[in-house]
Amino acid sequence: MTTRIPVVIVGGGQAGLAVSWYLKRDGIEHVVLERDTLMHTWADARWDTFCLVTPNFQCRLPGYAYDGAEPDGFMIRKEILEWLAGFVASFDPPVHEHTTVTSVRSVEGGFDVRTIDDNYLAERVVIATGGYHTPQIPRIGERLPSGVEQVHSSAYRNPEALPDGPVLVVGTGQSGAQIAEDLLLAGRQVHLAVGRAPRFARRYRGRDVIAWLEDTGHYDKPVTDKPVEERTQDKTNHYVTGRDGGRDIDLRAFAQQGMTLHGRLLDVADGALCFDADLERSLDGADEVYNGINHLIDEFIAGQGIETPDGPSTYHPVWRPYGYRGSRLPAADLAAVVWATGFTRDYRWLHVPVFDGAGHPQHVRGVTPVPGVYFVGLPWQHTWGSGRFAGVDIDAAHVAQHLGAAVPAPDAVTATV
């Protein structure tokens, strides 16, 4: 049976449901199709000690902002799920859970949306499946001995779930850096393959750095303000943590505490993992970003004449890998490897011409070149806040307006990805 409907939203995370909020408010008939359960990634793909790295005050969804007792705190996983459940209950979206969309194709009169159970003829389709679909484990892992347990960061739960013995974490984006800390705090022997991810301070000059950046308008700057070569959805996020009230993540301090840092993982040969000699360059690059963000805050404070309890400061390395020229780690010395190596996109079910040669969706603030096809919830969809709680509402409102919802007109600045 085929059901005719004005709008189909594919994906029941915060982005898809934010669009649904506007459509339901304005009486626009639609349905949200979710492969698993609403907000399932927050429950299924996070480790036990997971918490937000952005302050609670940035948790803003349509008609539903965080109003708890700790606006400057960082919700843990249980609290995030409770907050999101409250958002869903606030408007009761028309959702079909456990409904996998198998294909979307252009047909006369709209789009043929096929699922494992039912089919829809939709006038318009919103793709709200995010930008992180399939866990990516490098093929190099196939050369590790079978006795070394391998797990992607999305499947990591806690140190006790890994076999006893040394653990190698590969990657230093947000997940890799936080998982490495989780293992170190549990007393595990940790090796860390350091990548090119940047970092920033948790707090600076009396406030959370994200609060400063929000005041400067940094989160509102469109992607078109960035150089063309930096307009990518694949850029690694800065590492920091909200754990225990929030603090910096300093890999150099981890080294002082007993963690062994390596350069990027290059190869597995002759029973050993081989690492690049770029460790110091990667650490210096992360610190350069850290100090650069603080300098931007200093300029804002000076320009606004703001009084702060502390003056400007510069981070100076507390540890250096003197003499590091690359390293080798016998695979037999490891109990497990945690691959914090990101995700790949999977749009094989979406049969409409909206992709570039690298497989990125082409759009202007979620509006694609194919009339009637929209995206929401992508990293850098419009601003740095896109793809996270800080910017979901703004992006969803823009897409909803194109779908006919009565939302305020967007500003004149648009962004292309």
Protein backbone atom coordinates (compact mmCIF):
# COMPACT_ATOMS: atom_id res chain seq x y z
CA MET A 1 0.00 0.00 0.00
CA THR A 2 1.23 3.52 -0.84
CA THR A 3 0.28 6.44 1.39
CA ARG A 4 0.23 9.94 -0.08
CA ILE A 5 1.62 12.56 2.29
CA PRO A 6 3.02 16.10 1.92
CA VAL A 7 6.29 15.57 3.83
CA VAL A 8 8.36 12.58 4.90
CA ILE A 9 11.19 13.14 7.38
CA VAL A 10 13.79 10.37 7.37
CA GLY A 11 15.45 10.17 10.79
CA GLY A 12 14.11 10.62 14.32
CA GLY A 13 17.00 12.34 16.03
CA GLN A 14 16.94 15.89 17.36
CA ALA A 15 17.27 17.43 13.89
CA GLY A 16 14.40 15.56 12.27
CA LEU A 17 12.18 16.09 15.29
CA ALA A 18 12.99 19.80 15.33
CA VAL A 19 11.60 20.09 11.78
CA SER A 20 8.63 17.99 12.86
CA TRP A 21 7.92 20.43 15.71
CA TYR A 22 7.45 23.31 13.27
CA LEU A 23 5.36 21.28 10.85
CA LYS A 24 3.06 19.95 13.56
CA ARG A 25 2.64 23.39 15.08
CA ASP A 26 1.47 24.73 11.73
CA GLY A 27 -0.71 21.78 10.79
CA ILE A 28 1.46 20.53 7.92
CA GLU A 29 0.83 16.81 7.52
CA HIS A 30 3.99 14.72 7.73
CA VAL A 31 5.52 11.57 9.13
CA VAL A 32 8.89 10.86 10.76
CA LEU A 33 10.42 7.50 9.80
CA GLU A 34 13.02 6.21 12.24
CA ARG A 35 15.04 3.04 11.63
CA ASP A 36 15.51 2.31 15.34
CA THR A 37 14.00 4.31 18.19
CA LEU A 38 13.85 8.07 18.71
CA MET A 39 17.20 9.51 19.83
CA HIS A 40 18.68 6.00 19.87
CA THR A 41 22.24 7.17 19.17
CA TRP A 42 22.32 8.98 22.51
CA ALA A 43 21.54 5.72 24.28
CA ASP A 44 23.32 3.16 22.12
CA ALA A 45 26.49 4.81 20.86
CA ARG A 46 27.89 6.41 24.00
CA TRP A 47 30.14 5.09 26.76
CA ASP A 48 29.09 4.88 30.40
CA THR A 49 30.77 8.10 31.57
CA PHE A 50 29.74 10.09 28.49
CA CYS A 51 28.60 13.68 29.05
CA LEU A 52 28.11 16.76 26.93
CA VAL A 53 31.18 18.82 26.03
CA THR A 54 29.02 21.90 25.43
CA PRO A 55 27.37 23.60 28.43
CA ASN A 56 23.73 22.87 29.16
CA PHE A 57 22.69 26.44 28.33
CA GLN A 58 23.36 25.62 24.67
CA CYS A 59 20.73 22.88 24.68
CA ARG A 60 17.99 24.59 22.69
CA LEU A 61 15.34 22.84 20.63
CA PRO A 62 12.13 24.42 19.25
CA GLY A 63 9.95 25.52 22.15
CA TYR A 64 12.11 23.56 24.55
CA ALA A 65 15.32 24.92 26.09
CA TYR A 66 17.26 23.55 29.04
CA ASP A 67 15.87 25.11 32.24
CA GLY A 68 17.56 22.99 34.88
CA ALA A 69 19.64 24.00 37.87
CA GLU A 70 23.03 23.78 36.13
CA PRO A 71 23.06 25.88 32.94
CA ASP A 72 26.85 25.98 33.03
CA GLY A 73 27.12 22.25 33.74
CA PHE A 74 27.28 19.27 31.38
CA MET A 75 24.49 16.71 31.33
CA ILE A 76 25.50 13.07 31.58
CA ARG A 77 23.96 10.49 29.26
CA LYS A 78 20.99 9.69 31.53
CA GLU A 79 20.14 13.38 31.89
CA ILE A 80 20.46 13.98 28.14
CA LEU A 81 18.01 11.17 27.44
CA GLU A 82 15.56 12.53 30.00
CA TRP A 83 15.78 16.03 28.52
CA LEU A 84 15.24 14.71 24.99
CA ALA A 85 12.31 12.58 26.15
CA GLY A 86 10.77 15.75 27.55
CA PHE A 87 11.13 17.44 24.16
CA VAL A 88 9.39 14.54 22.39
CA ALA A 89 6.57 14.55 24.96
CA SER A 90 6.10 18.30 24.52
CA PHE A 91 4.55 17.91 21.06
CA ASP A 92 4.01 14.17 20.35
CA PRO A 93 5.46 13.91 16.83
CA PRO A 94 3.95 11.56 14.21
CA VAL A 95 6.72 8.95 14.34
CA HIS A 96 7.01 5.42 13.00
CA GLU A 97 9.85 3.71 14.85
CA HIS A 98 11.63 0.55 13.68
CA THR A 99 10.89 1.62 10.12
CA THR A 100 13.90 1.38 7.83
CA VAL A 101 13.79 3.47 4.67
CA THR A 102 15.20 1.32 1.89
CA SER A 103 15.02 3.80 -0.99
CA VAL A 104 13.96 7.31 -1.97
CA ARG A 105 13.49 8.04 -5.69
CA SER A 106 12.08 10.89 -7.74
CA VAL A 107 8.81 9.95 -9.45
CA GLU A 108 6.00 11.82 -11.10
CA GLY A 109 4.19 13.74 -8.40
CA GLY A 110 7.00 13.70 -5.84
CA PHE A 111 9.16 11.02 -4.27
CA ASP A 112 8.69 7.31 -3.85
CA VAL A 113 9.75 6.50 -0.28
CA ARG A 114 9.99 2.77 0.36
CA THR A 115 10.36 1.17 3.77
CA ILE A 116 10.53 -2.39 5.03
CA ASP A 117 6.77 -2.25 5.71
CA ASP A 118 4.99 0.53 3.82
CA ASN A 119 5.53 2.90 0.91
CA TYR A 120 4.86 6.64 0.71
CA LEU A 121 4.39 9.10 -2.12
CA ALA A 122 5.76 12.29 -0.62
CA GLU A 123 5.66 15.74 -2.13
CA ARG A 124 8.86 16.61 -0.24
CA VAL A 125 11.49 14.68 1.71
CA VAL A 126 13.74 15.83 4.56
CA ILE A 127 16.89 13.77 5.15
CA ALA A 128 17.66 13.99 8.87
CA THR A 129 20.00 11.03 9.30
CA GLY A 130 22.98 13.17 10.34
CA GLY A 131 26.50 12.93 8.98
CA TYR A 132 27.85 9.94 10.90
CA HIS A 133 26.47 6.63 9.70
CA THR A 134 28.87 3.67 9.57
CA PRO A 135 31.71 3.19 12.08
CA GLN A 136 35.01 3.37 10.24
CA ILE A 137 37.73 0.90 11.20
CA PRO A 138 40.86 1.10 9.05
CA ARG A 139 41.66 -2.05 7.07
CA ILE A 140 45.05 -2.02 8.75
CA GLY A 141 43.31 -3.60 11.73
CA GLU A 142 43.00 -6.82 9.75
CA ARG A 143 46.74 -7.34 10.22
CA LEU A 144 46.55 -7.37 14.00
CA PRO A 145 46.71 -10.75 15.78
CA SER A 146 43.36 -12.34 16.55
CA GLY A 147 44.16 -12.16 20.25
CA VAL A 148 43.98 -8.35 20.21
CA GLU A 149 40.39 -7.27 20.76
CA GLN A 150 39.29 -4.44 18.47
CA VAL A 151 36.36 -2.13 19.15
CA HIS A 152 35.18 1.08 17.50
CA SER A 153 34.65 4.07 19.78
CA SER A 154 30.89 3.87 19.14
CA ALA A 155 30.87 0.42 20.77
CA TYR A 156 33.16 1.29 23.70
CA ARG A 157 31.34 1.22 27.04
CA ASN A 158 33.86 1.17 29.91
CA PRO A 159 37.39 -0.01 30.80
CA GLU A 160 36.07 -3.16 32.47
CA ALA A 161 34.53 -4.33 29.21
CA LEU A 162 37.97 -4.62 27.63
CA PRO A 163 40.36 -7.50 28.41
CA ASP A 164 43.04 -6.93 31.00
CA GLY A 165 46.25 -5.44 29.69
CA PRO A 166 47.49 -2.42 27.73
CA VAL A 167 45.05 -0.61 25.41
CA LEU A 168 45.83 1.43 22.33
CA VAL A 169 43.44 4.24 21.42
CA VAL A 170 43.77 5.40 17.82
CA GLY A 171 42.59 8.97 17.20
CA THR A 172 42.35 12.11 19.31
CA GLY A 173 39.08 13.72 18.29
CA GLN A 174 36.52 14.25 21.04
CA SER A 175 35.75 10.55 21.48
CA GLY A 176 39.34 9.31 21.33
CA ALA A 177 40.66 11.87 23.80
CA GLN A 178 37.85 11.27 26.27
CA ILE A 179 38.06 7.47 26.02
CA ALA A 180 41.82 7.62 26.55
CA GLU A 181 41.20 9.67 29.70
CA ASP A 182 38.50 7.22 30.82
CA LEU A 183 40.97 4.35 30.55
CA LEU A 184 43.76 6.30 32.26
CA LEU A 185 41.53 7.24 35.20
CA ALA A 186 40.66 3.56 35.58
CA GLY A 187 44.33 2.75 36.03
CA ARG A 188 44.77 1.08 32.65
CA GLN A 189 48.03 1.21 30.74
CA VAL A 190 47.17 3.39 27.76
CA HIS A 191 48.87 4.02 24.43
CA LEU A 192 47.46 6.86 22.33
CA ALA A 193 48.02 7.42 18.61
CA VAL A 194 47.77 11.20 18.35
CA GLY A 195 46.13 12.75 15.30
CA ARG A 196 45.74 16.30 14.05
CA ALA A 197 42.65 17.22 16.09
CA PRO A 198 42.66 20.73 17.62
CA ARG A 199 41.76 21.58 21.20
CA PHE A 200 40.48 24.50 23.25
CA ALA A 201 40.40 25.52 26.90
CA ARG A 202 37.44 24.55 29.03
CA ARG A 203 37.47 27.86 30.89
CA TYR A 204 39.33 31.08 30.30
CA ARG A 205 39.28 34.40 32.08
CA GLY A 206 36.50 33.41 34.43
CA ARG A 207 34.03 31.76 32.02
CA ASP A 208 33.53 28.71 29.89
CA VAL A 209 35.21 29.28 26.54
CA ILE A 210 32.01 28.30 24.71
CA ALA A 211 30.15 31.08 26.54
CA TRP A 212 32.76 33.56 25.31
CA LEU A 213 32.55 32.20 21.77
CA GLU A 214 28.78 32.49 21.80
CA ASP A 215 29.01 36.13 22.92
CA THR A 216 31.48 36.92 20.14
CA GLY A 217 29.04 35.55 17.56
CA HIS A 218 31.46 32.77 16.59
CA TYR A 219 28.70 30.16 16.50
CA ASP A 220 26.64 32.33 14.14
CA LYS A 221 29.32 32.75 11.47
CA PRO A 222 28.27 30.95 8.29
CA VAL A 223 30.47 28.37 6.66
CA THR A 224 30.99 30.72 3.70
CA ASP A 225 33.13 32.91 5.98
CA LYS A 226 35.68 30.10 6.03
CA PRO A 227 38.28 29.47 3.29
CA VAL A 228 36.98 27.11 0.60
CA GLU A 229 39.44 24.37 1.59
CA GLU A 230 38.04 24.39 5.14
CA ARG A 231 34.38 24.04 4.16
CA THR A 232 34.21 20.37 4.97
CA GLN A 233 31.81 18.21 6.94
CA ASP A 234 34.69 15.87 7.85
CA LYS A 235 36.75 18.29 9.94
CA THR A 236 37.63 16.86 13.35
CA ASN A 237 36.09 18.59 16.36
CA HIS A 238 38.18 20.21 19.08
CA TYR A 239 38.77 17.99 22.08
CA VAL A 240 37.72 19.04 25.57
CA THR A 241 35.55 17.42 28.24
CA GLY A 242 32.58 18.21 30.47
CA ARG A 243 33.44 15.38 32.85
CA ASP A 244 33.43 16.15 36.59
CA GLY A 245 32.16 19.65 35.93
CA GLY A 246 34.36 20.26 32.90
CA ARG A 247 38.11 20.61 32.35
CA ASP A 248 40.76 20.83 29.68
CA ILE A 249 42.06 17.73 27.97
CA ASP A 250 45.84 18.09 27.76
CA LEU A 251 47.53 15.12 26.13
CA ARG A 252 50.89 16.34 27.40
CA ALA A 253 49.57 16.11 30.97
CA PHE A 254 48.37 12.58 30.18
CA ALA A 255 51.96 11.71 29.22
CA GLN A 256 53.14 13.03 32.58
CA GLN A 257 50.58 10.75 34.24
CA GLY A 258 51.87 7.64 32.49
CA MET A 259 50.07 7.52 29.13
CA THR A 260 52.34 6.67 26.21
CA LEU A 261 51.85 9.01 23.26
CA HIS A 262 52.68 8.03 19.69
CA GLY A 263 52.40 9.73 16.33
CA ARG A 264 49.80 8.73 13.75
CA LEU A 265 49.46 5.00 13.16
CA LEU A 266 51.07 4.23 9.80
CA ASP A 267 51.37 0.48 9.46
CA VAL A 268 51.36 -2.94 11.06
CA ALA A 269 54.46 -4.83 9.99
CA ASP A 270 56.48 -7.72 11.38
CA GLY A 271 54.14 -8.05 14.34
CA ALA A 272 54.41 -4.40 15.40
CA LEU A 273 52.37 -1.23 15.03
CA CYS A 274 54.43 1.54 13.41
CA PHE A 275 53.82 5.21 14.24
CA ASP A 276 54.80 8.40 12.44
CA ALA A 277 57.34 10.90 13.74
CA ASP A 278 54.73 13.69 13.74
CA LEU A 279 53.81 13.56 17.44
CA GLU A 280 55.36 16.89 18.41
CA ARG A 281 53.92 18.62 15.35
CA SER A 282 50.42 17.37 16.21
CA LEU A 283 50.69 18.46 19.85
CA ASP A 284 52.02 21.87 18.85
CA GLY A 285 49.23 22.30 16.31
CA ALA A 286 46.55 21.56 18.92
CA ASP A 287 48.13 24.03 21.33
CA GLU A 288 48.32 26.69 18.61
CA VAL A 289 44.55 26.45 18.14
CA TYR A 290 44.06 26.51 21.93
CA ASN A 291 46.06 29.72 22.29
CA GLY A 292 44.54 31.22 19.15
CA ILE A 293 40.99 30.86 20.49
CA ASN A 294 42.04 32.40 23.79
CA HIS A 295 43.63 35.30 21.90
CA LEU A 296 40.35 35.91 20.04
CA ILE A 297 38.61 36.05 23.42
CA ASP A 298 41.23 38.50 24.69
CA GLU A 299 40.51 40.79 21.72
CA PHE A 300 36.77 40.61 22.35
CA ILE A 301 37.19 41.39 26.06
CA ALA A 302 39.43 44.34 25.29
CA GLY A 303 37.11 45.65 22.60
CA GLN A 304 34.07 45.46 24.87
CA GLY A 305 35.86 46.80 27.94
CA ILE A 306 34.83 43.77 30.01
CA GLU A 307 36.23 43.29 33.51
CA THR A 308 37.47 39.74 34.18
CA PRO A 309 39.05 38.13 37.24
CA ASP A 310 42.07 37.03 35.21
CA GLY A 311 44.14 38.68 32.53
CA PRO A 312 45.38 37.20 29.24
CA SER A 313 47.53 34.09 29.42
CA THR A 314 49.27 31.67 27.07
CA TYR A 315 49.48 27.91 27.40
CA HIS A 316 53.05 26.60 27.54
CA PRO A 317 53.75 22.88 27.05
CA VAL A 318 54.08 20.93 30.28
CA TRP A 319 55.77 18.03 28.46
CA ARG A 320 57.56 17.51 25.17
CA PRO A 321 58.41 14.28 23.32
CA TYR A 322 62.10 15.10 23.11
CA GLY A 323 63.89 12.93 20.59
CA TYR A 324 60.74 11.23 19.31
CA ARG A 325 61.37 9.93 15.79
CA GLY A 326 58.45 7.58 15.46
CA SER A 327 57.89 4.38 17.40
CA ARG A 328 57.04 0.71 17.17
CA LEU A 329 54.68 -1.13 19.51
CA PRO A 330 54.66 -4.94 19.47
CA ALA A 331 51.09 -6.08 18.83
CA ALA A 332 51.61 -8.93 21.27
CA ASP A 333 51.95 -6.33 24.05
CA LEU A 334 48.38 -5.12 23.53
CA ALA A 335 45.13 -6.48 24.94
CA ALA A 336 42.86 -4.24 22.88
CA VAL A 337 42.63 -1.42 20.35
CA VAL A 338 39.91 1.25 20.45
CA TRP A 339 39.45 2.78 17.00
CA ALA A 340 38.33 6.39 17.46
CA THR A 341 38.54 6.87 13.72
CA GLY A 342 35.17 8.35 12.89
CA PHE A 343 32.40 7.32 10.56
CA THR A 344 31.65 7.08 6.86
CA ARG A 345 28.50 8.32 5.14
CA ASP A 346 25.95 5.86 3.79
CA TYR A 347 23.37 7.32 1.44
CA ARG A 348 23.06 4.28 -0.83
CA TRP A 349 19.30 4.33 -0.34
CA LEU A 350 18.95 7.94 -1.51
CA HIS A 351 18.64 7.87 -5.30
CA VAL A 352 18.50 11.58 -6.11
CA PRO A 353 21.33 13.63 -7.69
CA VAL A 354 22.36 15.80 -4.74
CA PHE A 355 25.93 14.57 -4.09
CA ASP A 356 29.36 15.79 -5.12
CA GLY A 357 32.27 13.56 -6.12
CA ALA A 358 33.23 12.93 -2.49
CA GLY A 359 29.69 11.89 -1.56
CA HIS A 360 28.84 15.10 0.32
CA PRO A 361 25.28 16.39 0.00
CA GLN A 362 25.18 19.64 -1.96
CA HIS A 363 22.87 22.24 -0.46
CA VAL A 364 22.38 25.83 0.65
CA ARG A 365 21.38 25.76 4.31
CA GLY A 366 19.79 22.35 3.78
CA VAL A 367 18.02 23.21 0.51
CA THR A 368 19.35 20.98 -2.28
CA PRO A 369 19.43 21.57 -6.06
CA VAL A 370 16.65 18.96 -6.38
CA PRO A 371 13.32 20.68 -5.63
CA GLY A 372 11.61 18.99 -2.72
CA VAL A 373 14.72 17.39 -1.15
CA TYR A 374 16.19 18.88 2.02
CA PHE A 375 18.84 18.01 4.61
CA VAL A 376 19.01 18.89 8.29
CA GLY A 377 21.41 17.91 11.08
CA LEU A 378 24.61 17.92 9.03
CA PRO A 379 27.92 19.09 10.52
CA TRP A 380 28.54 22.65 9.34
CA GLN A 381 25.16 22.74 7.60
CA HIS A 382 25.22 26.49 8.08
CA THR A 383 27.38 27.37 11.09
CA TRP A 384 29.67 25.75 13.66
CA GLY A 385 26.56 25.22 15.79
CA SER A 386 24.93 23.07 13.11
CA GLY A 387 24.70 19.39 13.91
CA ARG A 388 24.67 20.07 17.65
CA PHE A 389 22.09 21.41 20.09
CA ALA A 390 23.33 24.98 19.70
CA GLY A 391 22.26 25.28 16.07
CA VAL A 392 19.68 22.59 15.38
CA ASP A 393 16.68 24.89 15.93
CA ILE A 394 17.98 27.57 13.55
CA ASP A 395 18.69 25.05 10.79
CA ALA A 396 15.40 23.24 11.30
CA ALA A 397 13.45 26.51 11.19
CA HIS A 398 15.06 27.44 7.87
CA VAL A 399 14.18 24.07 6.31
CA ALA A 400 10.70 24.15 7.84
CA GLN A 401 10.07 27.55 6.29
CA HIS A 402 10.81 26.07 2.86
CA LEU A 403 8.31 23.35 3.70
CA GLY A 404 5.62 25.95 4.40
CA ALA A 405 5.93 26.52 8.13
CA ALA A 406 5.34 30.03 9.47
CA VAL A 407 8.71 30.78 11.01
CA PRO A 408 10.60 34.09 11.04
CA ALA A 409 12.37 34.90 7.79
CA PRO A 410 16.04 33.81 7.83
CA ASP A 411 18.76 36.42 7.70
CA ALA A 412 20.21 37.41 4.37
CA VAL A 413 23.37 35.38 4.87
CA THR A 414 23.30 31.90 3.39
CA ALA A 415 25.90 29.17 3.35
CA THR A 416 26.87 26.53 0.87
CA VAL A 417 28.55 23.26 1.69
